[in-house]
Amino acid sequence: MPARAERGDDGTYYRDDLSLVHHRGFGFHADMCAPGIVELLRPVRERDGLVVEIGCGSGLLTRHLLDAGHRVVATDASPAMLDLAREVAPDAEDVRRVALPDDPLPPADAIVGVGHALSYLPDEVAVDRALVAVGQALRPGGVLAIDICDLEWGAARRDWSTSGRVGDDWAIITEYSIPTPDRFVRDMTIFVRNDDGSWRRDDEHHDNVLIDTGRVPELLSPYGVEVSVERSFGDEELPAGLVALVGRRVP
């Protein structure tokens, strides 16, 4: 069995088995957020603008965006997730690996993302750099709609210890810890059934950075991006501590 590691050999989270489990068992978040994001992007659709998705995962939100008539470039840092996204969203403009904050984003009329992708960066400085990169990639009039973990995320989960979920051909056990107020750690053991009926195991250690999201508007203001910190993208109810950054770049 593989040893527990913080990230894959290529420096990313979400190797093959966790990506597959996430796709099969955790698509409800993308489904829940999609209607609100699609509504926010209505002006972008009307002018046939380009939507760039960060942290696209297995392409579940991508599929909603494409079905709503958008042109989408879907990006993620995980090669395993991108392989799934290419199957789910073969009609995307492109599905490519982008690891923020260093990899460039294409100029976009909207940048969207669910699953708090930026919270997976190594520290607050990297999160800030990524937010600035997102703001700079927006064209004038462009729309921003991404979720991110606030400090409240950890505060609301101080009593969490373990959880488990089981599907027809997968299972996942998660241990939680909050070593500091700005860190939320998950140690996950993942089981996936092989074609011959046997089971394989992998382990991943995920360390999320929590930030004071109230300072994001001031951070992005010098780049012409007006953003507000919201409790949702639309009518959905996000988990405590997960907030929606919604805004636009001034024309």
Protein backbone atom coordinates (compact mmCIF):
# COMPACT_ATOMS: atom_id res chain seq x y z
CA MET A 1 0.00 0.00 0.00
CA PRO A 2 1.32 3.47 -0.80
CA ALA A 3 2.69 5.62 1.97
CA ARG A 4 0.75 8.67 3.00
CA ALA A 5 1.98 11.75 1.13
CA GLU A 6 0.97 15.38 1.17
CA ARG A 7 0.75 15.60 -2.59
CA GLY A 8 1.37 13.51 -5.66
CA ASP A 9 4.80 13.20 -7.20
CA ASP A 10 3.99 16.12 -9.50
CA GLY A 11 3.12 18.39 -6.56
CA THR A 12 -0.66 18.15 -6.87
CA TYR A 13 -3.51 16.92 -4.77
CA TYR A 14 -6.18 14.55 -6.13
CA ARG A 15 -4.47 11.51 -7.56
CA ASP A 16 -6.37 8.93 -9.62
CA ASP A 17 -8.46 7.23 -6.93
CA LEU A 18 -9.48 10.30 -4.95
CA SER A 19 -10.36 12.07 -8.20
CA LEU A 20 -12.60 9.17 -9.17
CA VAL A 21 -14.30 9.08 -5.76
CA HIS A 22 -14.80 12.84 -5.81
CA HIS A 23 -16.38 12.59 -9.26
CA ARG A 24 -18.71 9.74 -8.34
CA GLY A 25 -19.71 10.83 -4.87
CA PHE A 26 -19.27 14.58 -4.43
CA GLY A 27 -20.78 16.22 -7.49
CA PHE A 28 -23.58 17.77 -5.45
CA HIS A 29 -21.59 20.95 -4.78
CA ALA A 30 -21.16 21.79 -8.48
CA ASP A 31 -24.80 20.91 -9.14
CA MET A 32 -25.92 23.17 -6.29
CA CYS A 33 -23.80 26.17 -7.33
CA ALA A 34 -24.36 25.93 -11.08
CA PRO A 35 -27.74 27.76 -11.34
CA GLY A 36 -26.49 30.82 -9.48
CA ILE A 37 -23.27 31.00 -11.47
CA VAL A 38 -25.07 30.55 -14.78
CA GLU A 39 -27.36 33.44 -13.87
CA LEU A 40 -24.38 35.65 -12.94
CA LEU A 41 -22.84 34.84 -16.32
CA ARG A 42 -25.89 35.76 -18.38
CA PRO A 43 -24.25 38.99 -19.71
CA VAL A 44 -21.17 36.99 -20.70
CA ARG A 45 -23.30 34.49 -22.59
CA GLU A 46 -25.12 37.28 -24.42
CA ARG A 47 -21.84 38.60 -25.84
CA ASP A 48 -20.41 35.10 -26.44
CA GLY A 49 -17.57 35.76 -24.02
CA LEU A 50 -14.99 33.23 -22.91
CA VAL A 51 -15.38 31.62 -19.47
CA VAL A 52 -12.23 30.33 -17.76
CA GLU A 53 -12.86 27.85 -14.98
CA ILE A 54 -10.25 27.35 -12.25
CA GLY A 55 -10.22 24.10 -10.29
CA CYS A 56 -12.57 22.44 -12.76
CA GLY A 57 -12.07 19.04 -11.15
CA SER A 58 -13.77 16.31 -13.14
CA GLY A 59 -15.73 18.81 -15.22
CA LEU A 60 -19.09 18.77 -13.44
CA LEU A 61 -19.53 22.55 -13.34
CA THR A 62 -17.95 22.71 -16.79
CA ARG A 63 -20.77 20.54 -18.09
CA HIS A 64 -23.39 22.89 -16.65
CA LEU A 65 -21.66 25.91 -18.23
CA LEU A 66 -21.43 24.25 -21.63
CA ASP A 67 -25.05 23.15 -21.51
CA ALA A 68 -25.98 26.78 -20.80
CA GLY A 69 -24.29 27.79 -24.06
CA HIS A 70 -20.95 29.11 -22.78
CA ARG A 71 -17.53 28.80 -24.34
CA VAL A 72 -15.31 27.36 -21.60
CA VAL A 73 -11.62 26.79 -20.99
CA ALA A 74 -11.47 24.39 -18.03
CA THR A 75 -8.32 24.30 -15.91
CA ASP A 76 -7.08 22.32 -12.93
CA ALA A 77 -3.75 21.44 -11.31
CA SER A 78 -4.54 17.70 -11.08
CA PRO A 79 -3.76 15.60 -14.17
CA ALA A 80 -6.13 12.89 -12.92
CA MET A 81 -9.00 15.36 -12.63
CA LEU A 82 -8.25 16.73 -16.08
CA ASP A 83 -8.46 13.24 -17.58
CA LEU A 84 -11.98 12.92 -16.14
CA ALA A 85 -12.93 16.43 -17.27
CA ARG A 86 -11.96 15.63 -20.86
CA GLU A 87 -14.47 12.76 -20.77
CA VAL A 88 -17.24 14.79 -19.11
CA ALA A 89 -16.73 17.95 -21.17
CA PRO A 90 -15.20 16.99 -24.54
CA ASP A 91 -16.84 20.02 -26.15
CA ALA A 92 -14.98 22.56 -24.01
CA GLU A 93 -12.77 25.04 -25.87
CA ASP A 94 -9.83 23.54 -23.99
CA VAL A 95 -9.09 21.47 -20.90
CA ARG A 96 -5.63 22.28 -19.63
CA ARG A 97 -3.38 22.10 -16.60
CA VAL A 98 -2.96 25.40 -14.77
CA ALA A 99 -1.32 25.56 -11.36
CA LEU A 100 -1.84 28.95 -9.79
CA PRO A 101 -0.33 31.32 -8.82
CA ASP A 102 2.56 30.81 -11.25
CA ASP A 103 0.92 29.49 -14.42
CA PRO A 104 -0.73 32.15 -16.58
CA LEU A 105 -4.48 32.25 -17.13
CA PRO A 106 -5.83 33.15 -20.57
CA PRO A 107 -7.64 36.50 -20.87
CA ALA A 108 -11.25 35.86 -19.92
CA ASP A 109 -14.67 37.46 -19.93
CA ALA A 110 -15.46 35.48 -16.78
CA ILE A 111 -13.47 33.45 -14.29
CA VAL A 112 -15.40 30.95 -12.20
CA GLY A 113 -14.65 28.08 -9.87
CA VAL A 114 -16.21 25.96 -7.13
CA GLY A 115 -14.55 23.55 -4.72
CA HIS A 116 -12.33 26.23 -3.10
CA ALA A 117 -9.39 25.52 -5.40
CA LEU A 118 -7.35 28.49 -4.18
CA SER A 119 -7.59 27.21 -0.61
CA TYR A 120 -5.28 24.36 -1.67
CA LEU A 121 -2.35 26.71 -2.24
CA PRO A 122 0.53 26.46 0.24
CA ASP A 123 0.09 29.70 2.15
CA GLU A 124 -1.75 33.03 2.33
CA VAL A 125 0.83 34.78 0.17
CA ALA A 126 0.22 32.27 -2.62
CA VAL A 127 -3.56 32.71 -2.27
CA ASP A 128 -3.16 36.49 -2.59
CA ARG A 129 -0.96 36.11 -5.66
CA ALA A 130 -3.51 33.78 -7.24
CA LEU A 131 -6.37 36.19 -6.55
CA VAL A 132 -4.41 39.01 -8.17
CA ALA A 133 -3.63 36.78 -11.17
CA VAL A 134 -7.34 36.03 -11.52
CA GLY A 135 -8.19 39.72 -11.37
CA GLN A 136 -5.57 40.61 -13.96
CA ALA A 137 -6.80 37.91 -16.35
CA LEU A 138 -10.31 39.37 -16.40
CA ARG A 139 -11.10 41.55 -19.38
CA PRO A 140 -12.85 44.88 -18.73
CA GLY A 141 -16.44 44.12 -17.77
CA GLY A 142 -15.47 40.55 -16.92
CA VAL A 143 -17.29 38.60 -14.20
CA LEU A 144 -15.70 36.89 -11.20
CA ALA A 145 -17.48 34.04 -9.36
CA ILE A 146 -15.35 31.69 -7.25
CA ASP A 147 -15.65 30.12 -3.82
CA ILE A 148 -12.95 30.12 -1.15
CA CYS A 149 -12.56 29.12 2.50
CA ASP A 150 -12.77 31.84 5.13
CA LEU A 151 -11.34 31.57 8.66
CA GLU A 152 -14.89 30.72 9.69
CA TRP A 153 -14.48 27.37 7.93
CA GLY A 154 -12.16 26.09 10.66
CA ALA A 155 -14.01 27.79 13.51
CA ALA A 156 -17.25 26.05 12.49
CA ARG A 157 -15.58 22.62 12.49
CA ARG A 158 -13.62 22.58 15.75
CA ASP A 159 -15.58 19.53 16.93
CA TRP A 160 -15.03 17.48 13.78
CA SER A 161 -12.86 14.37 14.13
CA THR A 162 -13.70 11.69 11.53
CA SER A 163 -16.25 10.89 8.85
CA GLY A 164 -16.86 8.20 6.28
CA ARG A 165 -18.83 7.69 3.08
CA VAL A 166 -19.44 4.55 1.04
CA GLY A 167 -20.55 4.11 -2.57
CA ASP A 168 -21.18 1.02 -4.65
CA ASP A 169 -17.51 0.70 -5.65
CA TRP A 170 -15.70 3.16 -3.40
CA ALA A 171 -15.30 4.24 0.20
CA ILE A 172 -13.54 7.13 1.90
CA ILE A 173 -12.61 7.71 5.55
CA THR A 174 -11.49 11.20 6.58
CA GLU A 175 -9.77 12.45 9.73
CA TYR A 176 -9.90 16.20 10.42
CA SER A 177 -7.62 18.54 12.33
CA ILE A 178 -7.18 22.29 12.75
CA PRO A 179 -3.52 22.81 13.75
CA THR A 180 -3.86 26.61 13.58
CA PRO A 181 -6.85 28.92 13.01
CA ASP A 182 -5.82 29.40 9.36
CA ARG A 183 -5.36 25.70 8.50
CA PHE A 184 -7.83 22.89 7.92
CA VAL A 185 -6.31 19.45 7.44
CA ARG A 186 -7.90 16.29 6.08
CA ASP A 187 -6.20 12.89 6.11
CA MET A 188 -8.11 10.66 3.73
CA THR A 189 -7.98 6.92 3.16
CA ILE A 190 -9.56 5.98 -0.16
CA PHE A 191 -10.73 2.54 -1.27
CA VAL A 192 -11.77 1.72 -4.85
CA ARG A 193 -13.01 -1.64 -6.13
CA ASN A 194 -10.95 -3.24 -8.91
CA ASP A 195 -12.54 -4.96 -11.91
CA ASP A 196 -11.80 -8.38 -10.37
CA GLY A 197 -13.69 -7.51 -7.18
CA SER A 198 -10.63 -6.83 -5.04
CA TRP A 199 -10.01 -3.45 -3.46
CA ARG A 200 -7.10 -1.02 -3.69
CA ARG A 201 -6.17 1.71 -1.23
CA ASP A 202 -4.60 5.15 -1.44
CA ASP A 203 -4.03 7.91 1.13
CA GLU A 204 -3.95 11.67 0.68
CA HIS A 205 -3.17 14.49 3.10
CA HIS A 206 -4.89 17.79 2.23
CA ASP A 207 -3.86 21.01 3.94
CA ASN A 208 -6.19 23.93 3.18
CA VAL A 209 -5.36 27.58 3.83
CA LEU A 210 -8.11 29.69 5.43
CA ILE A 211 -8.06 33.46 4.97
CA ASP A 212 -9.85 36.54 6.16
CA THR A 213 -11.96 36.96 3.04
CA GLY A 214 -13.11 40.39 4.17
CA ARG A 215 -9.84 41.85 2.89
CA VAL A 216 -10.23 40.48 -0.66
CA PRO A 217 -12.13 43.53 -1.99
CA GLU A 218 -9.27 45.81 -0.95
CA LEU A 219 -6.72 43.39 -2.40
CA LEU A 220 -8.35 43.40 -5.84
CA SER A 221 -9.45 47.01 -6.00
CA PRO A 222 -6.10 48.31 -7.38
CA TYR A 223 -6.56 45.93 -10.33
CA GLY A 224 -9.94 47.38 -11.25
CA VAL A 225 -11.93 44.47 -9.82
CA GLU A 226 -14.94 45.29 -7.67
CA VAL A 227 -15.75 42.21 -5.60
CA SER A 228 -18.09 41.40 -2.74
CA VAL A 229 -17.97 38.51 -0.29
CA GLU A 230 -21.30 36.66 -0.47
CA ARG A 231 -22.91 33.71 1.28
CA SER A 232 -23.89 32.15 -2.03
CA PHE A 233 -23.82 32.56 -5.81
CA GLY A 234 -27.60 32.44 -6.00
CA ASP A 235 -30.26 30.65 -3.98
CA GLU A 236 -28.05 27.77 -2.81
CA GLU A 237 -26.80 27.50 0.78
CA LEU A 238 -23.03 27.13 1.01
CA PRO A 239 -21.46 25.33 3.99
CA ALA A 240 -20.43 27.52 6.92
CA GLY A 241 -17.15 29.26 6.16
CA LEU A 242 -17.28 28.72 2.40
CA VAL A 243 -17.94 32.08 0.76
CA ALA A 244 -18.56 33.25 -2.79
CA LEU A 245 -16.38 36.00 -4.23
CA VAL A 246 -18.60 37.72 -6.77
CA GLY A 247 -17.65 40.77 -8.78
CA ARG A 248 -16.56 42.31 -12.05
CA ARG A 249 -13.69 44.17 -13.56
CA VAL A 250 -14.49 47.81 -14.18
CA PRO A 251 -14.83 48.53 -17.94
